[in-house]
Amino acid sequence: MDRFHRGLAAGIIAGIPMNIWDLFSYHYLKFSNLRYLDWNSVMIFGHLPYTMGEVIFALLSQFLLAGFLGMIFTYLIELKITSRNHWLKGVVFGYLAGYLIFAVAVTFQVPYIITRSLDTVITQFIGALIWGLTMSYILSWLDKTKLVEKK
């Protein structure tokens, strides 16, 4: 498995606990008022999801975005950063990615997601940290398996 596939797989798989946390906080804790899938829905459809089809498509797109970010991290870590402290680097990368995504929404005045409550921001940054930690753990695990191509 090369860097591209390893990063894609790790990012997508890490998106699962991140979205579980996000949906749990939104539906059960009532702490958050905006889900990750709402972000993708607004970016894709221009509005919050109205139908179950839009919810599913936005959620799948969110997993692909998480996979893309995993690929970026994998290329960065192997080209520019030493492989020590994967977990810390994953957490920092997750936080930074979340920060940049928030900044884009504010900079471009994206409707529905430009203003968020403190609870939502905290929930989504916790989700970003969960994603970064999980993604780096999966990459570390993949490095130890026979699935990774050795140079």
N, C-alpha and C. Protein backbone atom coordinates (compact mmCIF):
# COMPACT_ATOMS: atom_id res chain seq x y z
N MET A 1 0.86 -1.17 0.00
CA MET A 1 0.00 0.00 0.00
C MET A 1 0.91 1.23 0.00
N ASP A 2 0.76 2.10 -0.99
CA ASP A 2 1.61 3.28 -1.08
C ASP A 2 1.05 4.42 -0.21
N ARG A 3 1.77 5.54 -0.20
CA ARG A 3 1.36 6.69 0.65
C ARG A 3 -0.03 7.17 0.33
N PHE A 4 -0.35 7.27 -0.95
CA PHE A 4 -1.66 7.75 -1.37
C PHE A 4 -2.77 6.90 -0.75
N HIS A 5 -2.70 5.59 -0.96
CA HIS A 5 -3.74 4.70 -0.46
C HIS A 5 -3.74 4.60 1.05
N ARG A 6 -2.56 4.62 1.64
CA ARG A 6 -2.47 4.56 3.10
C ARG A 6 -3.11 5.79 3.73
N GLY A 7 -2.81 6.96 3.20
CA GLY A 7 -3.39 8.20 3.72
C GLY A 7 -4.89 8.27 3.50
N LEU A 8 -5.33 7.84 2.31
CA LEU A 8 -6.77 7.83 2.02
C LEU A 8 -7.51 6.91 2.98
N ALA A 9 -6.99 5.70 3.15
CA ALA A 9 -7.65 4.73 4.04
C ALA A 9 -7.65 5.23 5.48
N ALA A 10 -6.50 5.72 5.95
CA ALA A 10 -6.41 6.19 7.34
C ALA A 10 -7.35 7.37 7.57
N GLY A 11 -7.40 8.30 6.62
CA GLY A 11 -8.27 9.47 6.77
C GLY A 11 -9.74 9.09 6.79
N ILE A 12 -10.14 8.20 5.89
CA ILE A 12 -11.55 7.78 5.85
C ILE A 12 -11.93 7.02 7.11
N ILE A 13 -11.09 6.07 7.51
CA ILE A 13 -11.38 5.29 8.72
C ILE A 13 -11.42 6.19 9.95
N ALA A 14 -10.51 7.15 10.03
CA ALA A 14 -10.49 8.08 11.16
C ALA A 14 -11.73 8.98 11.16
N GLY A 15 -12.35 9.14 9.99
CA GLY A 15 -13.59 9.92 9.92
C GLY A 15 -14.75 9.26 10.64
N ILE A 16 -14.67 7.95 10.85
CA ILE A 16 -15.77 7.25 11.51
C ILE A 16 -15.93 7.68 12.97
N PRO A 17 -14.88 7.58 13.82
CA PRO A 17 -15.08 8.03 15.21
C PRO A 17 -15.32 9.53 15.31
N MET A 18 -14.73 10.30 14.38
CA MET A 18 -14.95 11.74 14.39
C MET A 18 -16.43 12.04 14.16
N ASN A 19 -17.04 11.38 13.18
CA ASN A 19 -18.46 11.62 12.89
C ASN A 19 -19.36 11.02 13.96
N ILE A 20 -18.97 9.91 14.56
CA ILE A 20 -19.76 9.37 15.67
C ILE A 20 -19.82 10.39 16.79
N TRP A 21 -18.67 10.97 17.15
CA TRP A 21 -18.63 12.01 18.18
C TRP A 21 -19.51 13.19 17.78
N ASP A 22 -19.37 13.64 16.54
CA ASP A 22 -20.11 14.80 16.05
C ASP A 22 -21.62 14.55 16.10
N LEU A 23 -22.06 13.41 15.62
CA LEU A 23 -23.49 13.09 15.61
C LEU A 23 -24.01 12.87 17.03
N PHE A 24 -23.21 12.26 17.89
CA PHE A 24 -23.59 12.07 19.29
C PHE A 24 -23.77 13.43 19.98
N SER A 25 -22.84 14.33 19.74
CA SER A 25 -22.93 15.66 20.34
C SER A 25 -24.14 16.43 19.81
N TYR A 26 -24.45 16.25 18.55
CA TYR A 26 -25.56 16.97 17.91
C TYR A 26 -26.92 16.39 18.32
N HIS A 27 -27.06 15.06 18.22
CA HIS A 27 -28.37 14.44 18.43
C HIS A 27 -28.68 14.12 19.89
N TYR A 28 -27.70 13.68 20.65
CA TYR A 28 -27.98 13.20 22.00
C TYR A 28 -27.61 14.20 23.08
N LEU A 29 -26.46 14.85 22.95
CA LEU A 29 -26.07 15.84 23.95
C LEU A 29 -26.73 17.19 23.69
N LYS A 30 -27.16 17.41 22.44
CA LYS A 30 -27.72 18.71 22.02
C LYS A 30 -26.73 19.84 22.29
N PHE A 31 -25.45 19.49 22.19
CA PHE A 31 -24.38 20.45 22.47
C PHE A 31 -24.03 21.24 21.22
N SER A 32 -24.07 20.60 20.09
CA SER A 32 -23.70 21.22 18.83
C SER A 32 -24.96 21.53 18.03
N ASN A 33 -24.91 22.58 17.23
CA ASN A 33 -26.06 22.88 16.38
C ASN A 33 -25.71 22.79 14.88
N LEU A 34 -24.56 22.22 14.59
CA LEU A 34 -24.13 22.06 13.20
C LEU A 34 -23.25 20.82 13.12
N ARG A 35 -23.54 19.96 12.17
CA ARG A 35 -22.77 18.72 12.00
C ARG A 35 -21.75 18.90 10.88
N TYR A 36 -20.75 18.01 10.85
CA TYR A 36 -19.80 18.03 9.74
C TYR A 36 -20.52 17.84 8.41
N LEU A 37 -21.50 16.98 8.39
CA LEU A 37 -22.21 16.75 7.13
C LEU A 37 -22.97 18.00 6.69
N ASP A 38 -23.35 18.87 7.64
CA ASP A 38 -24.00 20.14 7.27
C ASP A 38 -23.02 21.03 6.51
N TRP A 39 -21.75 21.02 6.95
CA TRP A 39 -20.72 21.79 6.25
C TRP A 39 -20.65 21.34 4.79
N ASN A 40 -20.54 20.04 4.60
CA ASN A 40 -20.42 19.53 3.23
C ASN A 40 -21.67 19.78 2.42
N SER A 41 -22.83 19.68 3.03
CA SER A 41 -24.07 19.94 2.33
C SER A 41 -24.10 21.38 1.81
N VAL A 42 -23.71 22.32 2.66
CA VAL A 42 -23.70 23.73 2.25
C VAL A 42 -22.69 23.95 1.13
N MET A 43 -21.54 23.32 1.22
CA MET A 43 -20.51 23.49 0.19
C MET A 43 -20.93 22.84 -1.13
N ILE A 44 -21.68 21.75 -1.07
CA ILE A 44 -22.08 21.03 -2.28
C ILE A 44 -23.39 21.56 -2.85
N PHE A 45 -24.43 21.65 -1.99
CA PHE A 45 -25.77 22.00 -2.45
C PHE A 45 -26.11 23.48 -2.28
N GLY A 46 -25.35 24.17 -1.45
CA GLY A 46 -25.65 25.57 -1.18
C GLY A 46 -26.66 25.77 -0.07
N HIS A 47 -27.03 24.69 0.60
CA HIS A 47 -28.00 24.77 1.70
C HIS A 47 -27.80 23.57 2.63
N LEU A 48 -28.42 23.65 3.78
CA LEU A 48 -28.40 22.52 4.70
C LEU A 48 -29.16 21.36 4.07
N PRO A 49 -28.86 20.12 4.44
CA PRO A 49 -29.52 18.98 3.78
C PRO A 49 -31.02 18.94 4.10
N TYR A 50 -31.82 18.74 3.05
CA TYR A 50 -33.27 18.66 3.19
C TYR A 50 -33.76 17.22 3.19
N THR A 51 -33.11 16.37 2.42
CA THR A 51 -33.59 15.00 2.24
C THR A 51 -32.56 14.01 2.80
N MET A 52 -32.99 12.78 3.00
CA MET A 52 -32.07 11.74 3.46
C MET A 52 -30.98 11.50 2.42
N GLY A 53 -31.31 11.62 1.16
CA GLY A 53 -30.31 11.48 0.09
C GLY A 53 -29.22 12.52 0.21
N GLU A 54 -29.61 13.77 0.49
CA GLU A 54 -28.62 14.83 0.67
C GLU A 54 -27.77 14.58 1.91
N VAL A 55 -28.37 14.08 2.99
CA VAL A 55 -27.63 13.77 4.21
C VAL A 55 -26.58 12.70 3.92
N ILE A 56 -27.00 11.64 3.24
CA ILE A 56 -26.09 10.53 2.94
C ILE A 56 -24.97 10.99 2.01
N PHE A 57 -25.31 11.73 0.97
CA PHE A 57 -24.28 12.20 0.04
C PHE A 57 -23.30 13.14 0.74
N ALA A 58 -23.81 14.04 1.58
CA ALA A 58 -22.94 14.96 2.31
C ALA A 58 -22.03 14.21 3.27
N LEU A 59 -22.56 13.18 3.93
CA LEU A 59 -21.75 12.39 4.86
C LEU A 59 -20.67 11.62 4.11
N LEU A 60 -21.02 11.01 2.99
CA LEU A 60 -20.01 10.30 2.20
C LEU A 60 -18.95 11.26 1.69
N SER A 61 -19.36 12.45 1.28
CA SER A 61 -18.40 13.46 0.84
C SER A 61 -17.49 13.90 1.98
N GLN A 62 -18.04 13.92 3.17
CA GLN A 62 -17.24 14.29 4.34
C GLN A 62 -16.16 13.23 4.59
N PHE A 63 -16.50 11.96 4.41
CA PHE A 63 -15.51 10.90 4.56
C PHE A 63 -14.41 11.03 3.50
N LEU A 64 -14.78 11.38 2.28
CA LEU A 64 -13.78 11.56 1.23
C LEU A 64 -12.87 12.76 1.54
N LEU A 65 -13.44 13.83 2.08
CA LEU A 65 -12.62 14.97 2.49
C LEU A 65 -11.64 14.55 3.59
N ALA A 66 -12.11 13.76 4.54
CA ALA A 66 -11.24 13.25 5.60
C ALA A 66 -10.13 12.39 5.00
N GLY A 67 -10.46 11.58 3.99
CA GLY A 67 -9.46 10.78 3.31
C GLY A 67 -8.45 11.63 2.58
N PHE A 68 -8.91 12.69 1.92
CA PHE A 68 -8.00 13.62 1.23
C PHE A 68 -7.04 14.27 2.22
N LEU A 69 -7.55 14.69 3.36
CA LEU A 69 -6.68 15.29 4.39
C LEU A 69 -5.69 14.25 4.91
N GLY A 70 -6.12 13.00 5.01
CA GLY A 70 -5.21 11.93 5.41
C GLY A 70 -4.08 11.75 4.41
N MET A 71 -4.40 11.86 3.11
CA MET A 71 -3.36 11.78 2.07
C MET A 71 -2.37 12.92 2.21
N ILE A 72 -2.87 14.13 2.43
CA ILE A 72 -1.98 15.28 2.60
C ILE A 72 -1.05 15.04 3.78
N PHE A 73 -1.60 14.59 4.90
CA PHE A 73 -0.79 14.33 6.08
C PHE A 73 0.27 13.27 5.79
N THR A 74 -0.11 12.21 5.09
CA THR A 74 0.83 11.12 4.80
C THR A 74 1.99 11.63 3.94
N TYR A 75 1.70 12.44 2.95
CA TYR A 75 2.78 12.98 2.12
C TYR A 75 3.65 13.95 2.92
N LEU A 76 3.04 14.77 3.76
CA LEU A 76 3.82 15.70 4.58
C LEU A 76 4.73 14.98 5.56
N ILE A 77 4.19 13.99 6.22
CA ILE A 77 4.95 13.31 7.27
C ILE A 77 6.13 12.53 6.68
N GLU A 78 5.97 12.03 5.46
CA GLU A 78 7.05 11.24 4.88
C GLU A 78 8.03 12.08 4.07
N LEU A 79 7.64 13.28 3.68
CA LEU A 79 8.53 14.11 2.89
C LEU A 79 9.21 15.20 3.72
N LYS A 80 8.49 15.78 4.65
CA LYS A 80 9.01 16.96 5.34
C LYS A 80 9.23 16.75 6.84
N ILE A 81 8.57 15.80 7.42
CA ILE A 81 8.58 15.65 8.87
C ILE A 81 9.12 14.26 9.20
N THR A 82 9.87 14.16 10.26
CA THR A 82 10.34 12.83 10.66
C THR A 82 9.15 12.01 11.14
N SER A 83 9.30 10.72 11.18
CA SER A 83 8.17 9.85 11.54
C SER A 83 8.01 9.66 13.05
N ARG A 84 8.82 10.33 13.85
CA ARG A 84 8.67 10.24 15.30
C ARG A 84 7.47 11.05 15.76
N ASN A 85 6.85 10.62 16.83
CA ASN A 85 5.70 11.32 17.42
C ASN A 85 4.54 11.47 16.44
N HIS A 86 4.20 10.39 15.74
CA HIS A 86 3.06 10.40 14.81
C HIS A 86 1.81 10.96 15.46
N TRP A 87 1.52 10.55 16.66
CA TRP A 87 0.26 10.90 17.31
C TRP A 87 0.15 12.41 17.54
N LEU A 88 1.21 13.00 18.07
CA LEU A 88 1.20 14.43 18.31
C LEU A 88 1.05 15.19 17.00
N LYS A 89 1.77 14.76 15.98
CA LYS A 89 1.68 15.42 14.68
C LYS A 89 0.29 15.28 14.09
N GLY A 90 -0.34 14.12 14.28
CA GLY A 90 -1.70 13.91 13.79
C GLY A 90 -2.69 14.83 14.47
N VAL A 91 -2.55 14.97 15.78
CA VAL A 91 -3.45 15.85 16.54
C VAL A 91 -3.27 17.30 16.09
N VAL A 92 -2.02 17.74 15.95
CA VAL A 92 -1.76 19.11 15.51
C VAL A 92 -2.29 19.33 14.09
N PHE A 93 -2.08 18.35 13.21
CA PHE A 93 -2.58 18.47 11.84
C PHE A 93 -4.11 18.52 11.83
N GLY A 94 -4.76 17.68 12.62
CA GLY A 94 -6.22 17.70 12.70
C GLY A 94 -6.74 19.05 13.17
N TYR A 95 -6.10 19.61 14.20
CA TYR A 95 -6.50 20.91 14.71
C TYR A 95 -6.30 21.99 13.65
N LEU A 96 -5.13 21.96 13.00
CA LEU A 96 -4.83 22.96 11.97
C LEU A 96 -5.80 22.85 10.80
N ALA A 97 -6.11 21.63 10.37
CA ALA A 97 -7.07 21.44 9.27
C ALA A 97 -8.44 22.00 9.66
N GLY A 98 -8.88 21.71 10.89
CA GLY A 98 -10.15 22.25 11.36
C GLY A 98 -10.14 23.77 11.38
N TYR A 99 -9.04 24.34 11.86
CA TYR A 99 -8.91 25.79 11.92
C TYR A 99 -9.00 26.41 10.52
N LEU A 100 -8.28 25.83 9.57
CA LEU A 100 -8.29 26.37 8.20
C LEU A 100 -9.66 26.24 7.55
N ILE A 101 -10.35 25.15 7.82
CA ILE A 101 -11.70 24.99 7.26
C ILE A 101 -12.65 26.02 7.85
N PHE A 102 -12.56 26.28 9.15
CA PHE A 102 -13.36 27.34 9.77
C PHE A 102 -13.02 28.69 9.15
N ALA A 103 -11.73 28.95 8.96
CA ALA A 103 -11.29 30.23 8.41
C ALA A 103 -11.82 30.45 7.00
N VAL A 104 -11.87 29.40 6.19
CA VAL A 104 -12.41 29.52 4.83
C VAL A 104 -13.88 29.92 4.88
N ALA A 105 -14.64 29.30 5.78
CA ALA A 105 -16.07 29.62 5.89
C ALA A 105 -16.28 31.08 6.28
N VAL A 106 -15.47 31.58 7.18
CA VAL A 106 -15.61 32.98 7.62
C VAL A 106 -15.13 33.91 6.51
N THR A 107 -13.99 33.61 5.92
CA THR A 107 -13.42 34.47 4.88
C THR A 107 -14.37 34.63 3.70
N PHE A 108 -14.98 33.55 3.27
CA PHE A 108 -15.86 33.59 2.11
C PHE A 108 -17.33 33.78 2.47
N GLN A 109 -17.60 34.07 3.76
CA GLN A 109 -18.96 34.37 4.21
C GLN A 109 -19.96 33.29 3.75
N VAL A 110 -19.62 32.03 4.00
CA VAL A 110 -20.45 30.91 3.58
C VAL A 110 -21.74 30.91 4.41
N PRO A 111 -22.90 30.98 3.74
CA PRO A 111 -24.16 31.00 4.49
C PRO A 111 -24.37 29.72 5.30
N TYR A 112 -25.12 29.83 6.35
CA TYR A 112 -25.48 28.74 7.28
C TYR A 112 -24.33 28.33 8.19
N ILE A 113 -23.10 28.48 7.76
CA ILE A 113 -21.99 28.01 8.60
C ILE A 113 -21.02 29.12 8.99
N ILE A 114 -21.32 30.36 8.61
CA ILE A 114 -20.41 31.45 8.95
C ILE A 114 -20.42 31.74 10.45
N THR A 115 -21.57 31.61 11.07
CA THR A 115 -21.64 31.83 12.52
C THR A 115 -21.95 30.51 13.20
N ARG A 116 -21.18 30.24 14.24
CA ARG A 116 -21.35 29.00 14.99
C ARG A 116 -21.30 29.32 16.46
N SER A 117 -22.00 28.51 17.24
CA SER A 117 -21.96 28.69 18.69
C SER A 117 -20.65 28.15 19.24
N LEU A 118 -20.30 28.60 20.43
CA LEU A 118 -19.09 28.09 21.09
C LEU A 118 -19.18 26.58 21.26
N ASP A 119 -20.35 26.08 21.61
CA ASP A 119 -20.54 24.64 21.79
C ASP A 119 -20.23 23.87 20.50
N THR A 120 -20.67 24.40 19.38
CA THR A 120 -20.42 23.75 18.10
C THR A 120 -18.93 23.77 17.77
N VAL A 121 -18.30 24.90 17.98
CA VAL A 121 -16.86 25.01 17.70
C VAL A 121 -16.07 24.03 18.57
N ILE A 122 -16.41 23.95 19.85
CA ILE A 122 -15.72 23.02 20.75
C ILE A 122 -15.94 21.58 20.27
N THR A 123 -17.18 21.24 19.96
CA THR A 123 -17.50 19.89 19.48
C THR A 123 -16.69 19.55 18.23
N GLN A 124 -16.64 20.48 17.29
CA GLN A 124 -15.98 20.17 16.03
C GLN A 124 -14.46 20.17 16.16
N PHE A 125 -13.91 20.95 17.05
CA PHE A 125 -12.46 20.88 17.28
C PHE A 125 -12.10 19.60 18.03
N ILE A 126 -12.95 19.15 18.94
CA ILE A 126 -12.72 17.84 19.57
C ILE A 126 -12.76 16.76 18.50
N GLY A 127 -13.71 16.86 17.59
CA GLY A 127 -13.78 15.90 16.48
C GLY A 127 -12.52 15.93 15.62
N ALA A 128 -11.99 17.12 15.36
CA ALA A 128 -10.75 17.23 14.58
C ALA A 128 -9.59 16.57 15.31
N LEU A 129 -9.53 16.73 16.63
CA LEU A 129 -8.48 16.09 17.42
C LEU A 129 -8.65 14.57 17.41
N ILE A 130 -9.89 14.11 17.52
CA ILE A 130 -10.16 12.66 17.44
C ILE A 130 -9.71 12.13 16.09
N TRP A 131 -10.03 12.86 15.02
CA TRP A 131 -9.63 12.44 13.69
C TRP A 131 -8.11 12.37 13.57
N GLY A 132 -7.42 13.41 13.99
CA GLY A 132 -5.96 13.44 13.88
C GLY A 132 -5.30 12.33 14.66
N LEU A 133 -5.76 12.09 15.87
CA LEU A 133 -5.20 11.02 16.69
C LEU A 133 -5.47 9.65 16.08
N THR A 134 -6.70 9.42 15.65
CA THR A 134 -7.06 8.13 15.06
C THR A 134 -6.32 7.90 13.74
N MET A 135 -6.25 8.93 12.91
CA MET A 135 -5.57 8.81 11.62
C MET A 135 -4.10 8.49 11.81
N SER A 136 -3.45 9.16 12.74
CA SER A 136 -2.02 8.90 12.96
C SER A 136 -1.81 7.51 13.56
N TYR A 137 -2.71 7.06 14.40
CA TYR A 137 -2.61 5.71 14.96
C TYR A 137 -2.74 4.67 13.85
N ILE A 138 -3.70 4.87 12.95
CA ILE A 138 -3.90 3.93 11.84
C ILE A 138 -2.67 3.92 10.93
N LEU A 139 -2.12 5.09 10.64
CA LEU A 139 -0.91 5.14 9.81
C LEU A 139 0.26 4.42 10.49
N SER A 140 0.38 4.62 11.80
CA SER A 140 1.44 3.94 12.55
C SER A 140 1.24 2.43 12.49
N TRP A 141 0.00 1.97 12.65
CA TRP A 141 -0.31 0.55 12.58
C TRP A 141 -0.01 0.00 11.19
N LEU A 142 -0.39 0.75 10.15
CA LEU A 142 -0.13 0.30 8.78
C LEU A 142 1.36 0.19 8.50
N ASP A 143 2.15 1.08 9.08
CA ASP A 143 3.60 1.02 8.90
C ASP A 143 4.18 -0.28 9.45
N LYS A 144 3.54 -0.86 10.43
CA LYS A 144 4.04 -2.07 11.07
C LYS A 144 3.52 -3.35 10.40
N THR A 145 2.58 -3.22 9.47
CA THR A 145 2.00 -4.41 8.83
C THR A 145 2.71 -4.69 7.52
N LYS A 146 2.37 -5.78 6.93
CA LYS A 146 2.94 -6.20 5.64
C LYS A 146 2.24 -5.51 4.46
N LEU A 147 1.23 -4.68 4.74
CA LEU A 147 0.48 -4.02 3.68
C LEU A 147 1.24 -2.87 3.03
N VAL A 148 2.27 -2.37 3.73
CA VAL A 148 2.98 -1.19 3.27
C VAL A 148 4.13 -1.61 2.38
N GLU A 149 4.27 -0.90 1.24
CA GLU A 149 5.39 -1.15 0.33
C GLU A 149 6.66 -0.63 0.98
N LYS A 150 7.67 -1.44 1.03
CA LYS A 150 8.98 -1.02 1.54
C LYS A 150 9.83 -0.54 0.38
N LYS A 151 10.57 0.55 0.62
CA LYS A 151 11.42 1.12 -0.45
C LYS A 151 12.72 0.39 -0.55
